[in-house]
Amino acid sequence: MSVVSSVASHLPSALARPTRRLTILMMPLALAACVSGPQQPYEVARAPGFSVSAEYLAMYGERPDEQFPLPATDISEVDPRFLRREVSYPTREQPGTIIVDTDNKFLYLVRENGRAIRYGIGVGKQGMSWRGRATIARKAAWPRWTPTAAMIARDPEKNGPWAGGMESGLDNPLGARALYLYQGNRDTLYRIHGTTEPWSIGQSVSSGCIRLFNQDIIDLHSRVPTGTTVVVLNRGQLLTPQPGESFDEFAAVDGI
């Protein structure tokens, strides 16, 4: 998407007209390895509202040509740090590598000459439970999602209806695209995917892996082939399951 490079140098300031606002948010739907069980309501401090440049309105605008026509994403209350842009990012990693910075809620696609495309991300429990190097072994456009047997047993009323799989679509918690990370032949259960909850970008959330705005995961998916190296940085203490909880149970069988 060529607009990324031009946005970085021409972008008018998105920091006009700040307002003071605190929004109480709930997560009604959850992901396993990227979707988990029911979420608990909690308070999240939202970034102030901003006037948004025409470039970003187009970048996050509707996508009527998608298999499931994608509506525009409301980014008026998103901290502009988490909107897609090209940035300076010196690294020893090779161009084409994805670097996931879970602490700062950014994903970088390394480019030449010390540059990278930076995407804002939301990070869930599964996203904070692992670090290391992996490879994108599979890519999916508009993936399906199927809960595991453990998830169905734990909450049959919520997850039972999807025992045969949730079809692709705007309500599917994996969003418009998904990237599946493997180490050799082993599934890490780590996913990079879209989201039905754009307010969660830039936040730590109670479940899931690494989520991007749907428009951003579409862009990233189009730029990286299978075999792409992914480096996940997690500088803090890795999360471990609580008593009675298993991150393996979060690993739904999700596919194309």
C-alpha atoms as a PDB file:
ATOM      1  CA  MET A   1       0.000   0.000   0.000  1.00  0.00           C
ATOM      2  CA  SER A   2       2.003   2.963  -1.258  1.00  0.00           C
ATOM      3  CA  VAL A   3       0.092   5.468   0.876  1.00  0.00           C
ATOM      4  CA  VAL A   4       2.100   4.288   3.905  1.00  0.00           C
ATOM      5  CA  SER A   5       5.344   5.863   2.732  1.00  0.00           C
ATOM      6  CA  SER A   6       3.745   9.117   1.677  1.00  0.00           C
ATOM      7  CA  VAL A   7       1.745   9.460   4.873  1.00  0.00           C
ATOM      8  CA  ALA A   8       4.870   9.565   6.998  1.00  0.00           C
ATOM      9  CA  SER A   9       6.280  12.662   5.283  1.00  0.00           C
ATOM     10  CA  HIS A  10       3.097  14.586   4.473  1.00  0.00           C
ATOM     11  CA  LEU A  11       0.886  13.737   7.403  1.00  0.00           C
ATOM     12  CA  PRO A  12      -0.749  16.765   9.012  1.00  0.00           C
ATOM     13  CA  SER A  13      -0.745  16.670  12.782  1.00  0.00           C
ATOM     14  CA  ALA A  14      -3.454  14.423  14.155  1.00  0.00           C
ATOM     15  CA  LEU A  15      -3.204  16.065  17.556  1.00  0.00           C
ATOM     16  CA  ALA A  16      -5.708  18.852  16.976  1.00  0.00           C
ATOM     17  CA  ARG A  17      -8.661  19.547  19.255  1.00  0.00           C
ATOM     18  CA  PRO A  18      -7.992  17.215  22.171  1.00  0.00           C
ATOM     19  CA  THR A  19     -10.930  16.451  24.409  1.00  0.00           C
ATOM     20  CA  ARG A  20     -11.040  14.871  27.835  1.00  0.00           C
ATOM     21  CA  ARG A  21     -12.769  11.611  27.905  1.00  0.00           C
ATOM     22  CA  LEU A  22     -12.729   8.308  29.780  1.00  0.00           C
ATOM     23  CA  THR A  23     -14.638   5.409  28.317  1.00  0.00           C
ATOM     24  CA  ILE A  24     -15.765   2.324  30.176  1.00  0.00           C
ATOM     25  CA  LEU A  25     -15.292  -0.598  27.892  1.00  0.00           C
ATOM     26  CA  MET A  26     -16.177  -4.269  27.915  1.00  0.00           C
ATOM     27  CA  MET A  27     -14.926  -7.128  25.844  1.00  0.00           C
ATOM     28  CA  PRO A  28     -17.969  -9.208  24.895  1.00  0.00           C
ATOM     29  CA  LEU A  29     -16.258 -11.657  22.580  1.00  0.00           C
ATOM     30  CA  ALA A  30     -12.971 -13.406  23.075  1.00  0.00           C
ATOM     31  CA  LEU A  31     -10.249 -15.054  21.070  1.00  0.00           C
ATOM     32  CA  ALA A  32      -8.659 -18.415  21.480  1.00  0.00           C
ATOM     33  CA  ALA A  33      -4.787 -18.870  21.185  1.00  0.00           C
ATOM     34  CA  CYS A  34      -6.394 -16.155  20.256  1.00  0.00           C
ATOM     35  CA  VAL A  35      -9.826 -16.685  21.612  1.00  0.00           C
ATOM     36  CA  SER A  36     -10.599 -17.319  25.266  1.00  0.00           C
ATOM     37  CA  GLY A  37     -13.602 -17.640  27.515  1.00  0.00           C
ATOM     38  CA  PRO A  38     -15.925 -14.833  28.585  1.00  0.00           C
ATOM     39  CA  GLN A  39     -14.261 -11.551  29.390  1.00  0.00           C
ATOM     40  CA  GLN A  40     -14.746  -9.457  32.491  1.00  0.00           C
ATOM     41  CA  PRO A  41     -15.676  -5.776  32.237  1.00  0.00           C
ATOM     42  CA  TYR A  42     -12.889  -3.403  33.114  1.00  0.00           C
ATOM     43  CA  GLU A  43     -12.092   0.269  32.770  1.00  0.00           C
ATOM     44  CA  VAL A  44      -9.748   1.441  30.050  1.00  0.00           C
ATOM     45  CA  ALA A  45      -8.421   4.985  29.718  1.00  0.00           C
ATOM     46  CA  ARG A  46      -9.024   6.027  26.133  1.00  0.00           C
ATOM     47  CA  ALA A  47      -6.875   8.444  24.224  1.00  0.00           C
ATOM     48  CA  PRO A  48      -8.365  11.915  23.677  1.00  0.00           C
ATOM     49  CA  GLY A  49     -10.456  12.562  20.586  1.00  0.00           C
ATOM     50  CA  PHE A  50      -8.700  14.055  17.573  1.00  0.00           C
ATOM     51  CA  SER A  51      -9.459  15.527  14.232  1.00  0.00           C
ATOM     52  CA  VAL A  52      -8.154  13.032  11.702  1.00  0.00           C
ATOM     53  CA  SER A  53      -6.282  13.766   8.496  1.00  0.00           C
ATOM     54  CA  ALA A  54      -7.735  12.869   5.111  1.00  0.00           C
ATOM     55  CA  GLU A  55      -4.854  10.418   4.571  1.00  0.00           C
ATOM     56  CA  TYR A  56      -5.792   8.421   7.643  1.00  0.00           C
ATOM     57  CA  LEU A  57      -9.503   8.579   6.900  1.00  0.00           C
ATOM     58  CA  ALA A  58      -8.702   6.936   3.564  1.00  0.00           C
ATOM     59  CA  MET A  59      -6.265   4.452   5.125  1.00  0.00           C
ATOM     60  CA  TYR A  60      -8.877   3.243   7.611  1.00  0.00           C
ATOM     61  CA  GLY A  61     -11.857   3.754   5.319  1.00  0.00           C
ATOM     62  CA  GLU A  62     -14.341   1.165   4.132  1.00  0.00           C
ATOM     63  CA  ARG A  63     -13.261  -1.738   1.937  1.00  0.00           C
ATOM     64  CA  PRO A  64     -16.299  -2.591  -0.194  1.00  0.00           C
ATOM     65  CA  ASP A  65     -14.230  -4.920  -2.395  1.00  0.00           C
ATOM     66  CA  GLU A  66     -13.547  -7.367   0.444  1.00  0.00           C
ATOM     67  CA  GLN A  67     -15.256 -10.783   0.577  1.00  0.00           C
ATOM     68  CA  PHE A  68     -17.230  -9.313   3.452  1.00  0.00           C
ATOM     69  CA  PRO A  69     -17.455  -5.567   2.753  1.00  0.00           C
ATOM     70  CA  LEU A  70     -15.522  -3.947   5.567  1.00  0.00           C
ATOM     71  CA  PRO A  71     -16.876  -0.743   7.107  1.00  0.00           C
ATOM     72  CA  ALA A  72     -14.611   2.168   7.953  1.00  0.00           C
ATOM     73  CA  THR A  73     -12.894   2.005  11.341  1.00  0.00           C
ATOM     74  CA  ASP A  74     -13.627   4.916  13.667  1.00  0.00           C
ATOM     75  CA  ILE A  75     -10.165   6.169  14.643  1.00  0.00           C
ATOM     76  CA  SER A  76     -11.270   9.534  16.046  1.00  0.00           C
ATOM     77  CA  GLU A  77     -10.451   8.423  19.588  1.00  0.00           C
ATOM     78  CA  VAL A  78      -7.384   6.326  18.828  1.00  0.00           C
ATOM     79  CA  ASP A  79      -4.035   7.635  20.057  1.00  0.00           C
ATOM     80  CA  PRO A  80      -2.355   8.587  16.747  1.00  0.00           C
ATOM     81  CA  ARG A  81       0.827   6.761  17.822  1.00  0.00           C
ATOM     82  CA  PHE A  82      -1.007   3.526  17.045  1.00  0.00           C
ATOM     83  CA  LEU A  83      -1.981   4.431  13.491  1.00  0.00           C
ATOM     84  CA  ARG A  84       0.030   2.907  10.668  1.00  0.00           C
ATOM     85  CA  ARG A  85       3.054   4.864   9.465  1.00  0.00           C
ATOM     86  CA  GLU A  86       6.611   4.496   8.238  1.00  0.00           C
ATOM     87  CA  VAL A  87       9.221   5.280  10.881  1.00  0.00           C
ATOM     88  CA  SER A  88      12.949   5.186  11.495  1.00  0.00           C
ATOM     89  CA  TYR A  89      13.788   1.787  12.998  1.00  0.00           C
ATOM     90  CA  PRO A  90      17.453   0.740  12.948  1.00  0.00           C
ATOM     91  CA  THR A  91      17.765  -3.001  13.553  1.00  0.00           C
ATOM     92  CA  ARG A  92      20.058  -5.910  12.730  1.00  0.00           C
ATOM     93  CA  GLU A  93      17.072  -7.895  11.476  1.00  0.00           C
ATOM     94  CA  GLN A  94      16.749  -8.334   7.724  1.00  0.00           C
ATOM     95  CA  PRO A  95      14.211  -6.372   5.663  1.00  0.00           C
ATOM     96  CA  GLY A  96      10.940  -8.279   5.535  1.00  0.00           C
ATOM     97  CA  THR A  97      11.186  -9.421   9.175  1.00  0.00           C
ATOM     98  CA  ILE A  98       8.261  -8.748  11.508  1.00  0.00           C
ATOM     99  CA  ILE A  99       9.166  -7.551  15.004  1.00  0.00           C
ATOM    100  CA  VAL A 100       6.416  -7.573  17.639  1.00  0.00           C
ATOM    101  CA  ASP A 101       7.100  -5.227  20.571  1.00  0.00           C
ATOM    102  CA  THR A 102       4.513  -6.380  23.095  1.00  0.00           C
ATOM    103  CA  ASP A 103       5.617  -3.912  25.786  1.00  0.00           C
ATOM    104  CA  ASN A 104       5.091  -0.822  23.639  1.00  0.00           C
ATOM    105  CA  LYS A 105       2.140  -2.205  21.641  1.00  0.00           C
ATOM    106  CA  PHE A 106       3.784  -1.914  18.230  1.00  0.00           C
ATOM    107  CA  LEU A 107       4.449  -4.297  15.361  1.00  0.00           C
ATOM    108  CA  TYR A 108       7.210  -3.393  12.894  1.00  0.00           C
ATOM    109  CA  LEU A 109       7.685  -4.649   9.367  1.00  0.00           C
ATOM    110  CA  VAL A 110      11.378  -4.027   8.721  1.00  0.00           C
ATOM    111  CA  ARG A 111      12.274  -2.222   5.485  1.00  0.00           C
ATOM    112  CA  GLU A 112      15.547  -1.147   3.910  1.00  0.00           C
ATOM    113  CA  ASN A 113      17.740   1.742   5.053  1.00  0.00           C
ATOM    114  CA  GLY A 114      16.802   1.676   8.720  1.00  0.00           C
ATOM    115  CA  ARG A 115      13.089   2.140   8.113  1.00  0.00           C
ATOM    116  CA  ALA A 116      10.015   0.126   9.071  1.00  0.00           C
ATOM    117  CA  ILE A 117       6.257   0.227   8.760  1.00  0.00           C
ATOM    118  CA  ARG A 118       4.859   0.494  12.276  1.00  0.00           C
ATOM    119  CA  TYR A 119       1.394  -0.795  13.217  1.00  0.00           C
ATOM    120  CA  GLY A 120      -0.410  -0.370  16.520  1.00  0.00           C
ATOM    121  CA  ILE A 121      -1.423  -3.612  18.231  1.00  0.00           C
ATOM    122  CA  GLY A 122      -3.513  -4.882  21.103  1.00  0.00           C
ATOM    123  CA  VAL A 123      -1.878  -7.584  23.239  1.00  0.00           C
ATOM    124  CA  GLY A 124      -3.790 -10.305  25.060  1.00  0.00           C
ATOM    125  CA  LYS A 125      -2.784 -12.929  27.618  1.00  0.00           C
ATOM    126  CA  GLN A 126      -1.523 -15.337  24.999  1.00  0.00           C
ATOM    127  CA  GLY A 127       0.434 -12.496  23.453  1.00  0.00           C
ATOM    128  CA  MET A 128       2.229 -11.896  26.750  1.00  0.00           C
ATOM    129  CA  SER A 129       2.978 -15.570  27.415  1.00  0.00           C
ATOM    130  CA  TRP A 130       5.700 -16.180  24.838  1.00  0.00           C
ATOM    131  CA  ARG A 131       8.750 -14.591  23.227  1.00  0.00           C
ATOM    132  CA  GLY A 132      11.204 -15.797  20.634  1.00  0.00           C
ATOM    133  CA  ARG A 133      11.563 -16.359  16.900  1.00  0.00           C
ATOM    134  CA  ALA A 134       9.083 -18.103  14.671  1.00  0.00           C
ATOM    135  CA  THR A 135       8.002 -18.331  11.048  1.00  0.00           C
ATOM    136  CA  ILE A 136       4.704 -17.579   9.369  1.00  0.00           C
ATOM    137  CA  ALA A 137       3.707 -21.045   8.188  1.00  0.00           C
ATOM    138  CA  ARG A 138       0.178 -20.207   7.122  1.00  0.00           C
ATOM    139  CA  LYS A 139      -1.868 -17.199   6.119  1.00  0.00           C
ATOM    140  CA  ALA A 140      -5.648 -16.942   6.017  1.00  0.00           C
ATOM    141  CA  ALA A 141      -8.022 -14.390   4.555  1.00  0.00           C
ATOM    142  CA  TRP A 142     -11.265 -14.154   6.509  1.00  0.00           C
ATOM    143  CA  PRO A 143     -10.438 -17.205   8.680  1.00  0.00           C
ATOM    144  CA  ARG A 144     -12.956 -19.436  10.403  1.00  0.00           C
ATOM    145  CA  TRP A 145     -12.757 -20.081  14.131  1.00  0.00           C
ATOM    146  CA  THR A 146     -13.617 -23.242  16.073  1.00  0.00           C
ATOM    147  CA  PRO A 147     -13.455 -23.504  19.884  1.00  0.00           C
ATOM    148  CA  THR A 148     -11.580 -26.398  21.438  1.00  0.00           C
ATOM    149  CA  ALA A 149     -13.343 -29.197  23.312  1.00  0.00           C
ATOM    150  CA  ALA A 150     -11.989 -27.732  26.561  1.00  0.00           C
ATOM    151  CA  MET A 151     -13.550 -24.369  25.783  1.00  0.00           C
ATOM    152  CA  ILE A 152     -16.903 -25.970  25.004  1.00  0.00           C
ATOM    153  CA  ALA A 153     -16.796 -27.996  28.244  1.00  0.00           C
ATOM    154  CA  ARG A 154     -15.924 -24.887  30.242  1.00  0.00           C
ATOM    155  CA  ASP A 155     -18.721 -22.757  28.777  1.00  0.00           C
ATOM    156  CA  PRO A 156     -21.119 -24.889  26.727  1.00  0.00           C
ATOM    157  CA  GLU A 157     -23.771 -22.180  26.506  1.00  0.00           C
ATOM    158  CA  LYS A 158     -21.399 -19.656  24.951  1.00  0.00           C
ATOM    159  CA  ASN A 159     -19.094 -21.906  22.924  1.00  0.00           C
ATOM    160  CA  GLY A 160     -21.281 -24.933  22.205  1.00  0.00           C
ATOM    161  CA  PRO A 161     -23.116 -23.322  19.271  1.00  0.00           C
ATOM    162  CA  TRP A 162     -19.757 -22.898  17.532  1.00  0.00           C
ATOM    163  CA  ALA A 163     -18.606 -26.508  17.977  1.00  0.00           C
ATOM    164  CA  GLY A 164     -18.743 -26.925  14.206  1.00  0.00           C
ATOM    165  CA  GLY A 165     -16.893 -23.646  13.664  1.00  0.00           C
ATOM    166  CA  MET A 166     -17.787 -19.988  13.338  1.00  0.00           C
ATOM    167  CA  GLU A 167     -17.911 -18.962   9.718  1.00  0.00           C
ATOM    168  CA  SER A 168     -15.797 -16.168   8.337  1.00  0.00           C
ATOM    169  CA  GLY A 169     -17.298 -12.718   8.547  1.00  0.00           C
ATOM    170  CA  LEU A 170     -17.394  -9.364  10.246  1.00  0.00           C
ATOM    171  CA  ASP A 171     -18.349 -10.917  13.595  1.00  0.00           C
ATOM    172  CA  ASN A 172     -15.586 -13.524  13.603  1.00  0.00           C
ATOM    173  CA  PRO A 173     -13.120 -12.592  16.379  1.00  0.00           C
ATOM    174  CA  LEU A 174     -10.084 -13.332  14.179  1.00  0.00           C
ATOM    175  CA  GLY A 175     -11.045 -10.474  11.895  1.00  0.00           C
ATOM    176  CA  ALA A 176     -10.206 -10.069   8.235  1.00  0.00           C
ATOM    177  CA  ARG A 177      -6.858 -11.887   8.128  1.00  0.00           C
ATOM    178  CA  ALA A 178      -4.701 -14.163  10.292  1.00  0.00           C
ATOM    179  CA  LEU A 179      -1.024 -15.134  10.320  1.00  0.00           C
ATOM    180  CA  TYR A 180      -0.069 -18.418  12.052  1.00  0.00           C
ATOM    181  CA  LEU A 181       3.335 -18.721  13.725  1.00  0.00           C
ATOM    182  CA  TYR A 182       5.268 -21.992  13.818  1.00  0.00           C
ATOM    183  CA  GLN A 183       8.683 -23.132  15.014  1.00  0.00           C
ATOM    184  CA  GLY A 184       9.568 -25.867  12.562  1.00  0.00           C
ATOM    185  CA  ASN A 185       6.490 -28.109  12.415  1.00  0.00           C
ATOM    186  CA  ARG A 186       5.253 -27.035  15.849  1.00  0.00           C
ATOM    187  CA  ASP A 187       2.377 -24.591  16.109  1.00  0.00           C
ATOM    188  CA  THR A 188       3.325 -21.944  18.687  1.00  0.00           C
ATOM    189  CA  LEU A 189      -0.402 -21.152  19.132  1.00  0.00           C
ATOM    190  CA  TYR A 190       0.637 -17.550  18.490  1.00  0.00           C
ATOM    191  CA  ARG A 191      -1.458 -15.590  16.010  1.00  0.00           C
ATOM    192  CA  ILE A 192      -1.346 -12.154  14.433  1.00  0.00           C
ATOM    193  CA  HIS A 193      -4.850 -11.272  13.326  1.00  0.00           C
ATOM    194  CA  GLY A 194      -7.552  -8.654  12.910  1.00  0.00           C
ATOM    195  CA  THR A 195     -10.115  -7.677  15.487  1.00  0.00           C
ATOM    196  CA  THR A 196     -13.797  -6.930  15.897  1.00  0.00           C
ATOM    197  CA  GLU A 197     -12.847  -4.537  18.724  1.00  0.00           C
ATOM    198  CA  PRO A 198     -10.785  -1.668  17.267  1.00  0.00           C
ATOM    199  CA  TRP A 199     -10.862   0.205  20.594  1.00  0.00           C
ATOM    200  CA  SER A 200      -8.480  -2.444  21.969  1.00  0.00           C
ATOM    201  CA  ILE A 201      -5.534  -1.346  19.789  1.00  0.00           C
ATOM    202  CA  GLY A 202      -2.817   0.096  22.011  1.00  0.00           C
ATOM    203  CA  GLN A 203      -4.195  -1.766  25.026  1.00  0.00           C
ATOM    204  CA  SER A 204      -3.401  -4.829  27.083  1.00  0.00           C
ATOM    205  CA  VAL A 205      -6.539  -6.951  26.953  1.00  0.00           C
ATOM    206  CA  SER A 206      -7.721  -9.955  28.908  1.00  0.00           C
ATOM    207  CA  SER A 207      -7.372 -12.523  26.141  1.00  0.00           C
ATOM    208  CA  GLY A 208      -6.027 -13.193  22.689  1.00  0.00           C
ATOM    209  CA  CYS A 209      -2.705 -12.899  20.877  1.00  0.00           C
ATOM    210  CA  ILE A 210      -1.642  -9.942  18.725  1.00  0.00           C
ATOM    211  CA  ARG A 211      -4.471  -8.007  17.120  1.00  0.00           C
ATOM    212  CA  LEU A 212      -4.400  -5.187  14.559  1.00  0.00           C
ATOM    213  CA  PHE A 213      -7.047  -2.983  13.012  1.00  0.00           C
ATOM    214  CA  ASN A 214      -8.660  -4.960  10.207  1.00  0.00           C
ATOM    215  CA  GLN A 215      -7.342  -2.472   7.633  1.00  0.00           C
ATOM    216  CA  ASP A 216      -3.841  -2.930   9.077  1.00  0.00           C
ATOM    217  CA  ILE A 217      -3.874  -6.725   9.106  1.00  0.00           C
ATOM    218  CA  ILE A 218      -5.088  -6.648   5.488  1.00  0.00           C
ATOM    219  CA  ASP A 219      -2.123  -4.427   4.638  1.00  0.00           C
ATOM    220  CA  LEU A 220       0.385  -6.568   6.563  1.00  0.00           C
ATOM    221  CA  HIS A 221      -1.033  -9.810   5.150  1.00  0.00           C
ATOM    222  CA  SER A 222      -0.532  -8.452   1.617  1.00  0.00           C
ATOM    223  CA  ARG A 223       3.122  -7.583   2.275  1.00  0.00           C
ATOM    224  CA  VAL A 224       4.483 -10.758   3.888  1.00  0.00           C
ATOM    225  CA  PRO A 225       4.754 -14.253   2.371  1.00  0.00           C
ATOM    226  CA  THR A 226       4.731 -17.555   4.203  1.00  0.00           C
ATOM    227  CA  GLY A 227       8.204 -18.217   5.540  1.00  0.00           C
ATOM    228  CA  THR A 228       8.519 -14.688   6.946  1.00  0.00           C
ATOM    229  CA  THR A 229      10.534 -14.505  10.171  1.00  0.00           C
ATOM    230  CA  VAL A 230       8.726 -13.080  13.194  1.00  0.00           C
ATOM    231  CA  VAL A 231      10.585 -11.906  16.295  1.00  0.00           C
ATOM    232  CA  VAL A 232       8.439 -11.465  19.413  1.00  0.00           C
ATOM    233  CA  LEU A 233       9.943  -9.185  22.060  1.00  0.00           C
ATOM    234  CA  ASN A 234       8.619  -9.462  25.588  1.00  0.00           C
ATOM    235  CA  ARG A 235      10.942  -7.744  28.050  1.00  0.00           C
ATOM    236  CA  GLY A 236       8.847  -8.338  31.151  1.00  0.00           C
ATOM    237  CA  GLN A 237       7.966 -11.495  33.035  1.00  0.00           C
ATOM    238  CA  LEU A 238       6.051 -13.920  30.866  1.00  0.00           C
ATOM    239  CA  LEU A 239       2.486 -14.576  31.894  1.00  0.00           C
ATOM    240  CA  THR A 240       1.718 -18.067  33.147  1.00  0.00           C
ATOM    241  CA  PRO A 241      -1.710 -19.655  33.468  1.00  0.00           C
ATOM    242  CA  GLN A 242      -3.567 -19.159  36.726  1.00  0.00           C
ATOM    243  CA  PRO A 243      -4.805 -22.206  38.710  1.00  0.00           C
ATOM    244  CA  GLY A 244      -7.427 -23.970  36.650  1.00  0.00           C
ATOM    245  CA  GLU A 245      -6.414 -22.074  33.507  1.00  0.00           C
ATOM    246  CA  SER A 246      -4.402 -23.376  30.584  1.00  0.00           C
ATOM    247  CA  PHE A 247      -3.204 -21.281  27.688  1.00  0.00           C
ATOM    248  CA  ASP A 248      -3.307 -24.461  25.597  1.00  0.00           C
ATOM    249  CA  GLU A 249      -7.075 -24.344  25.990  1.00  0.00           C
ATOM    250  CA  PHE A 250      -7.052 -20.981  24.241  1.00  0.00           C
ATOM    251  CA  ALA A 251      -5.799 -22.670  21.078  1.00  0.00           C
ATOM    252  CA  ALA A 252      -8.924 -22.977  19.010  1.00  0.00           C
ATOM    253  CA  VAL A 253      -8.830 -24.845  15.740  1.00  0.00           C
ATOM    254  CA  ASP A 254      -9.005 -21.897  13.380  1.00  0.00           C
ATOM    255  CA  GLY A 255      -8.628 -22.180   9.652  1.00  0.00           C
ATOM    256  CA  ILE A 256      -9.358 -20.784   6.258  1.00  0.00           C
END
